Protein backbone atom coordinates (compact mmCIF):
# COMPACT_ATOMS: atom_id res chain seq x y z
CA MET A 1 -8.36 -30.51 -33.36
CA SER A 2 -9.86 -28.97 -30.11
CA PRO A 3 -11.40 -25.44 -30.45
CA LYS A 4 -8.47 -24.04 -28.48
CA GLN A 5 -5.84 -25.39 -30.91
CA SER A 6 -5.16 -23.18 -33.85
CA LYS A 7 -4.79 -24.46 -37.37
CA PRO A 8 -1.07 -24.12 -38.76
CA LYS A 9 -1.07 -20.95 -41.14
CA ASN A 10 0.17 -22.97 -44.11
CA ALA A 11 -1.82 -26.08 -43.41
CA VAL A 12 -3.46 -27.52 -46.69
CA ARG A 13 -7.14 -27.80 -46.29
CA PRO A 14 -8.94 -30.81 -47.85
CA ILE A 15 -10.21 -29.97 -51.44
CA ALA A 16 -13.69 -30.48 -50.26
CA GLN A 17 -13.41 -27.54 -47.74
CA ARG A 18 -12.15 -25.22 -50.49
CA THR A 19 -14.96 -25.69 -53.01
CA GLU A 20 -18.62 -25.18 -52.99
CA PRO A 21 -20.66 -28.20 -52.10
CA ASP A 22 -21.81 -28.77 -55.64
CA ALA A 23 -18.67 -27.49 -57.42
CA ALA A 24 -17.37 -30.99 -58.38
CA GLY A 25 -20.68 -31.97 -59.77
CA ALA A 26 -21.08 -28.79 -61.69
CA GLY A 27 -17.56 -29.13 -63.10
CA LYS A 28 -18.31 -32.73 -64.01
CA MET A 29 -21.33 -31.55 -65.97
CA ALA A 30 -19.61 -28.63 -67.55
CA TRP A 31 -16.83 -31.08 -68.74
CA ARG A 32 -19.21 -33.79 -69.93
CA ASN A 33 -21.32 -31.33 -71.90
CA VAL A 34 -18.55 -29.20 -73.32
CA ASP A 35 -18.88 -28.10 -76.94
CA ALA A 36 -16.35 -26.18 -79.21
CA SER A 37 -17.71 -22.81 -77.95
CA GLY A 38 -16.73 -23.63 -74.32
CA ALA A 39 -19.96 -21.88 -73.17
CA THR A 40 -20.52 -24.48 -70.33
CA LEU A 41 -17.12 -23.66 -68.78
CA ASN A 42 -16.36 -21.09 -66.15
CA VAL A 43 -12.94 -20.14 -64.89
CA ARG A 44 -13.26 -22.67 -61.88
CA ASN A 45 -13.49 -25.62 -64.28
CA PHE A 46 -11.17 -24.56 -67.05
CA LEU A 47 -8.73 -27.29 -67.65
CA THR A 48 -5.70 -24.90 -67.00
CA THR A 49 -7.29 -23.90 -63.62
CA GLN A 50 -7.83 -27.53 -62.57
CA PHE A 51 -4.26 -28.33 -63.42
CA ALA A 52 -2.80 -25.39 -61.75
CA GLN A 53 -4.70 -25.95 -58.51
CA THR A 54 -3.78 -29.59 -58.61
CA SER A 55 -0.14 -29.03 -59.44
CA ASN A 56 0.13 -26.48 -56.63
CA LEU A 57 -1.49 -28.96 -54.06
CA LEU A 58 0.64 -31.83 -55.21
CA ARG A 59 3.80 -29.64 -54.89
CA ARG A 60 2.80 -28.55 -51.37
CA THR A 61 1.73 -32.11 -50.24
CA ILE A 62 4.42 -34.19 -51.86
CA THR A 63 7.56 -32.26 -53.06
CA ILE A 64 8.00 -29.42 -50.69
CA PRO A 65 8.19 -31.46 -47.48
CA TYR A 66 11.16 -33.67 -48.67
CA ALA A 67 12.90 -30.90 -50.70
CA THR A 68 13.02 -28.59 -47.75
CA GLN A 69 13.97 -31.41 -45.41
CA TYR A 70 17.23 -31.41 -47.44
CA GLY A 71 17.58 -27.79 -47.95
CA LEU A 72 16.49 -27.62 -51.49
CA SER A 73 13.83 -25.53 -53.30
CA VAL A 74 11.41 -27.35 -55.61
CA ALA A 75 13.31 -26.02 -58.62
CA GLN A 76 16.55 -27.15 -57.25
CA TRP A 77 15.25 -30.73 -56.55
CA ARG A 78 13.70 -30.86 -60.06
CA ILE A 79 17.02 -29.78 -61.82
CA LEU A 80 18.97 -32.18 -59.45
CA ALA A 81 16.84 -35.06 -60.32
CA LEU A 82 17.03 -34.24 -64.10
CA LEU A 83 20.82 -33.96 -63.90
CA ALA A 84 20.98 -37.35 -62.11
CA ASP A 85 18.78 -38.91 -64.95
CA SER A 86 20.76 -37.14 -67.72
CA PRO A 87 24.44 -36.73 -66.83
CA GLY A 88 26.14 -34.19 -69.03
CA ILE A 89 22.91 -32.73 -70.48
CA PRO A 90 23.38 -29.61 -72.59
CA PHE A 91 21.93 -26.51 -70.69
CA SER A 92 19.41 -25.98 -73.69
CA ASP A 93 18.16 -29.59 -73.41
CA LEU A 94 17.90 -29.12 -69.63
CA VAL A 95 15.69 -26.04 -70.13
CA ASP A 96 13.43 -28.21 -72.56
CA VAL A 97 13.11 -31.32 -70.27
CA SER A 98 12.53 -29.08 -67.11
CA ALA A 99 9.51 -27.47 -68.74
CA SER A 100 10.69 -24.25 -67.04
CA ASP A 101 11.92 -20.95 -68.53
CA LYS A 102 15.59 -20.37 -69.28
CA ALA A 103 16.04 -17.83 -66.56
CA LEU A 104 14.70 -20.01 -63.83
CA VAL A 105 16.94 -22.94 -64.97
CA SER A 106 19.88 -20.55 -65.11
CA ARG A 107 19.35 -19.33 -61.60
CA THR A 108 18.74 -22.72 -60.31
CA MET A 109 21.90 -24.08 -61.88
CA GLY A 110 23.77 -21.16 -60.43
CA SER A 111 22.55 -22.10 -56.94
CA LEU A 112 23.39 -25.72 -57.46
CA VAL A 113 26.87 -24.77 -58.67
CA VAL A 114 27.58 -22.39 -55.81
CA ASN A 115 26.46 -25.19 -53.39
CA GLY A 116 28.70 -27.54 -54.97
CA LEU A 117 26.06 -29.87 -56.23
CA ALA A 118 26.44 -29.36 -59.92
CA THR A 119 28.93 -28.22 -62.58
CA MET A 120 28.59 -26.48 -65.93
CA VAL A 121 31.37 -27.28 -68.37
CA SER A 122 31.86 -25.68 -71.84
CA LEU A 123 31.14 -28.02 -74.51
CA ASN A 124 33.00 -25.96 -77.10
CA PRO A 125 35.69 -23.51 -76.27
CA ALA A 126 34.67 -21.41 -79.44
CA ARG A 127 31.14 -21.25 -78.05
CA PRO A 128 31.48 -20.72 -74.13
CA LYS A 129 27.82 -20.28 -73.71
CA ARG A 130 27.21 -23.90 -74.92
CA VAL A 131 27.51 -25.91 -71.70
CA ALA A 132 27.00 -29.43 -70.20
CA CYS A 133 25.33 -29.66 -66.89
CA THR A 134 26.26 -32.52 -64.51
CA LEU A 135 26.11 -33.46 -60.86
CA THR A 136 29.18 -33.37 -58.51
CA PRO A 137 29.79 -36.25 -56.32
CA LYS A 138 28.18 -34.31 -53.50
CA GLY A 139 25.09 -33.73 -55.77
CA LYS A 140 24.91 -37.35 -56.60
CA LYS A 141 25.08 -38.28 -52.89
CA LEU A 142 22.25 -35.79 -52.10
CA PHE A 143 20.17 -37.13 -54.92
CA GLN A 144 20.58 -40.75 -53.68
CA GLN A 145 19.45 -39.68 -50.27
CA VAL A 146 16.35 -37.79 -51.54
CA MET A 147 15.22 -40.02 -54.28
CA PRO A 148 13.90 -42.85 -52.19
CA ILE A 149 11.88 -40.36 -50.18
CA ALA A 150 10.50 -38.70 -53.43
CA GLN A 151 9.69 -42.10 -54.81
CA ARG A 152 7.70 -43.12 -51.73
CA SER A 153 5.85 -39.84 -51.58
CA GLN A 154 4.85 -39.92 -55.26
CA ALA A 155 3.78 -43.69 -54.88
CA GLN A 156 1.77 -42.86 -51.84
CA MET A 157 -0.26 -40.22 -53.73
CA LEU A 158 -0.56 -42.45 -56.93
CA LEU A 159 -1.91 -45.27 -54.69
CA THR A 160 -4.99 -42.98 -53.80
CA LEU A 161 -6.00 -43.79 -57.23
CA THR A 162 -7.11 -47.38 -58.53
CA PRO A 163 -4.83 -48.99 -61.16
CA SER A 164 -7.63 -48.30 -63.62
CA GLU A 165 -7.77 -44.51 -62.64
CA ARG A 166 -3.88 -44.32 -62.78
CA GLU A 167 -3.94 -45.76 -66.38
CA SER A 168 -6.69 -43.45 -67.45
CA LEU A 169 -4.93 -40.40 -65.92
CA LEU A 170 -1.62 -41.19 -67.63
CA ARG A 171 -3.43 -41.76 -71.06
CA ALA A 172 -5.46 -38.51 -70.65
CA LEU A 173 -2.14 -36.49 -69.68
CA LEU A 174 -0.29 -37.96 -72.68
CA LYS A 175 -3.18 -37.24 -74.96
CA LEU A 176 -3.37 -33.59 -73.75
CA ARG A 177 0.48 -33.24 -74.14
CA ALA A 178 0.10 -34.52 -77.69
CA ALA A 179 -2.50 -32.08 -78.44
CA CYS A 180 -0.50 -29.13 -77.02
CA ALA A 181 2.47 -30.29 -79.05
CA ILE A 182 0.31 -30.18 -82.19
CA ALA A 183 -1.04 -26.70 -81.35
CA ASP A 184 2.54 -25.48 -80.82
CA ASP A 185 3.49 -26.76 -84.34
CA THR A 186 0.67 -24.81 -86.00
């Protein structure tokens, strides 16, 4: 980029430009030497901070470009994809698998219904709030258009890691999820 060109306002800077030069090394040491007190950790190398920052960067880099290309928000794409994967899923189960709060899923489903992409059908007339969520033919067609792009985008990011790194990352994520599930049960 020449000096006269301006950087787009919402451009994502490489991670190295957003951290102090030794931040990665300091974080690595803090994580390597962590004890039960957590005294070696600061807010920048909290696990939750690292995941939030990485999640936000991945969303901006991977998901937002193809979702907006098709006129969808990230939440709409996520719910659309979950409905394609689980046709007729009860709303309460959709909330659980989406890992979103009920209000967000409700608003998102409402927008998908208004746009003719999904339906909500009562599972029991005696309990009208118990509904099954499913895609309409229009929603299925949109999913089939977007999914190959989503798969390619996800794969391209995964391929920045070696096969060994991908396996280690998945194992670590699953282990952390299991630890969170155990903590939720106590």
